[in-house]
C-alpha atoms as a PDB file:
ATOM      1  CA  MET A   1       6.120  -7.709   0.943  1.00  0.00           C
ATOM      2  CA  LEU A   2       8.739  -6.716  -1.595  1.00  0.00           C
ATOM      3  CA  GLY A   3      12.446  -7.291  -1.215  1.00  0.00           C
ATOM      4  CA  ARG A   4      13.925  -8.608   1.990  1.00  0.00           C
ATOM      5  CA  GLU A   5      11.832  -9.698   4.947  1.00  0.00           C
ATOM      6  CA  ILE A   6      10.746  -6.955   7.334  1.00  0.00           C
ATOM      7  CA  SER A   7      11.589  -8.010  10.871  1.00  0.00           C
ATOM      8  CA  GLY A   8       9.671  -7.361  14.040  1.00  0.00           C
ATOM      9  CA  PRO A   9       7.032  -8.940  16.218  1.00  0.00           C
ATOM     10  CA  PRO A  10       4.127 -10.718  14.519  1.00  0.00           C
ATOM     11  CA  LEU A  11       1.332  -8.518  13.230  1.00  0.00           C
ATOM     12  CA  SER A  12      -1.816  -8.427  15.322  1.00  0.00           C
ATOM     13  CA  ASP A  13      -5.044  -9.571  13.693  1.00  0.00           C
ATOM     14  CA  VAL A  14      -7.262  -6.886  12.169  1.00  0.00           C
ATOM     15  CA  PRO A  15     -10.664  -7.501  10.574  1.00  0.00           C
ATOM     16  CA  PHE A  16     -10.895  -6.763   6.840  1.00  0.00           C
ATOM     17  CA  GLN A  17     -12.812  -7.789   3.727  1.00  0.00           C
ATOM     18  CA  SER A  18     -10.634  -6.201   1.039  1.00  0.00           C
ATOM     19  CA  VAL A  19      -7.041  -5.074   0.512  1.00  0.00           C
ATOM     20  CA  PRO A  20      -7.946  -1.371   0.981  1.00  0.00           C
ATOM     21  CA  GLN A  21      -9.685  -2.250   4.266  1.00  0.00           C
ATOM     22  CA  LEU A  22      -6.658  -4.248   5.387  1.00  0.00           C
ATOM     23  CA  ILE A  23      -4.313  -1.330   4.671  1.00  0.00           C
ATOM     24  CA  ALA A  24      -6.588   1.158   6.478  1.00  0.00           C
ATOM     25  CA  ALA A  25      -7.024  -1.153   9.477  1.00  0.00           C
ATOM     26  CA  ARG A  26      -3.304  -1.858   9.748  1.00  0.00           C
ATOM     27  CA  ALA A  27      -2.533   1.886   9.438  1.00  0.00           C
ATOM     28  CA  ALA A  28      -4.911   2.559  12.332  1.00  0.00           C
ATOM     29  CA  VAL A  29      -3.245  -0.060  14.552  1.00  0.00           C
ATOM     30  CA  GLU A  30       0.454   0.299  13.683  1.00  0.00           C
ATOM     31  CA  PRO A  31       0.872   3.400  11.504  1.00  0.00           C
ATOM     32  CA  ALA A  32       4.669   3.674  11.765  1.00  0.00           C
ATOM     33  CA  ARG A  33       5.461  -0.011  11.221  1.00  0.00           C
ATOM     34  CA  ALA A  34       6.988  -0.934   7.859  1.00  0.00           C
ATOM     35  CA  ALA A  35       4.442  -2.417   5.470  1.00  0.00           C
ATOM     36  CA  VAL A  36       6.555  -2.712   2.333  1.00  0.00           C
ATOM     37  CA  ARG A  37      10.274  -2.788   1.648  1.00  0.00           C
ATOM     38  CA  SER A  38      11.476  -2.140  -1.887  1.00  0.00           C
ATOM     39  CA  ARG A  39      14.480  -0.821  -3.718  1.00  0.00           C
ATOM     40  CA  GLY A  40      14.362   2.896  -4.429  1.00  0.00           C
ATOM     41  CA  PRO A  41      15.738   4.644  -7.525  1.00  0.00           C
ATOM     42  CA  THR A  42      19.276   4.563  -6.094  1.00  0.00           C
ATOM     43  CA  GLY A  43      19.076   0.811  -5.380  1.00  0.00           C
ATOM     44  CA  LYS A  44      18.917   1.273  -1.604  1.00  0.00           C
ATOM     45  CA  TRP A  45      16.210  -0.510   0.372  1.00  0.00           C
ATOM     46  CA  GLN A  46      13.383   1.784   1.482  1.00  0.00           C
ATOM     47  CA  ASP A  47      10.544   1.044   3.888  1.00  0.00           C
ATOM     48  CA  LEU A  48       7.026   2.354   3.411  1.00  0.00           C
ATOM     49  CA  SER A  49       4.956   2.516   6.610  1.00  0.00           C
ATOM     50  CA  TRP A  50       1.344   1.403   6.864  1.00  0.00           C
ATOM     51  CA  SER A  51       0.348   5.042   7.329  1.00  0.00           C
ATOM     52  CA  ALA A  52       2.224   6.171   4.207  1.00  0.00           C
ATOM     53  CA  LEU A  53       0.828   3.230   2.236  1.00  0.00           C
ATOM     54  CA  ASP A  54      -2.701   4.172   3.305  1.00  0.00           C
ATOM     55  CA  SER A  55      -2.151   7.853   2.437  1.00  0.00           C
ATOM     56  CA  ARG A  56      -0.841   6.992  -1.023  1.00  0.00           C
ATOM     57  CA  ARG A  57      -3.680   4.526  -1.576  1.00  0.00           C
ATOM     58  CA  ARG A  58      -6.216   7.197  -0.705  1.00  0.00           C
ATOM     59  CA  ALA A  59      -4.486   9.722  -2.998  1.00  0.00           C
ATOM     60  CA  VAL A  60      -4.578   7.303  -5.954  1.00  0.00           C
ATOM     61  CA  ALA A  61      -8.269   6.582  -5.284  1.00  0.00           C
ATOM     62  CA  ALA A  62      -9.057  10.306  -5.101  1.00  0.00           C
ATOM     63  CA  GLY A  63      -7.193  10.908  -8.358  1.00  0.00           C
ATOM     64  CA  LEU A  64      -9.115   8.166 -10.115  1.00  0.00           C
ATOM     65  CA  ARG A  65     -12.422   9.523  -8.770  1.00  0.00           C
ATOM     66  CA  SER A  66     -11.486  12.999 -10.048  1.00  0.00           C
ATOM     67  CA  LEU A  67     -11.078  11.446 -13.509  1.00  0.00           C
ATOM     68  CA  GLY A  68     -14.593   9.995 -13.324  1.00  0.00           C
ATOM     69  CA  VAL A  69     -13.702   6.435 -12.333  1.00  0.00           C
ATOM     70  CA  GLN A  70     -16.470   4.925 -10.216  1.00  0.00           C
ATOM     71  CA  ARG A  71     -16.691   1.886  -7.935  1.00  0.00           C
ATOM     72  CA  GLY A  72     -16.888  -1.222 -10.103  1.00  0.00           C
ATOM     73  CA  ASP A  73     -15.137   0.340 -13.118  1.00  0.00           C
ATOM     74  CA  VAL A  74     -12.202  -1.586 -14.565  1.00  0.00           C
ATOM     75  CA  VAL A  75      -8.876   0.255 -14.651  1.00  0.00           C
ATOM     76  CA  ALA A  76      -5.711  -1.146 -16.207  1.00  0.00           C
ATOM     77  CA  VAL A  77      -2.445  -0.532 -14.373  1.00  0.00           C
ATOM     78  CA  LEU A  78       0.952  -1.044 -15.986  1.00  0.00           C
ATOM     79  CA  ALA A  79       3.820  -0.881 -13.527  1.00  0.00           C
ATOM     80  CA  ALA A  80       6.945  -2.711 -12.485  1.00  0.00           C
ATOM     81  CA  ASN A  81       6.892  -4.964  -9.425  1.00  0.00           C
ATOM     82  CA  SER A  82       7.160  -2.188  -6.852  1.00  0.00           C
ATOM     83  CA  ALA A  83       5.528  -0.463  -3.896  1.00  0.00           C
ATOM     84  CA  GLU A  84       3.709   1.744  -6.412  1.00  0.00           C
ATOM     85  CA  MET A  85       2.087  -1.318  -7.988  1.00  0.00           C
ATOM     86  CA  LEU A  86       0.805  -2.409  -4.577  1.00  0.00           C
ATOM     87  CA  ILE A  87      -0.609   1.094  -4.014  1.00  0.00           C
ATOM     88  CA  ALA A  88      -2.390   1.049  -7.380  1.00  0.00           C
ATOM     89  CA  GLU A  89      -3.997  -2.321  -6.664  1.00  0.00           C
END
């Protein structure tokens, strides 16, 4: 979680074996709930829902696949501490 704490009831348990699986599972259970809070370009706090996080994660993965990146390949990511960095991981 980036920035200030996101309030709300505790998250329910979801089974997962990797970060992408965790994001997909959480998006299936609570798609509208805030997953990440970070400062936007204007400095205001912005929430990113589990559903939006999952959609962006899938888009990044599809883009990498379209460039020929395959499972197991190593890809370097240079980014500031941000929601985008979490998506790229």
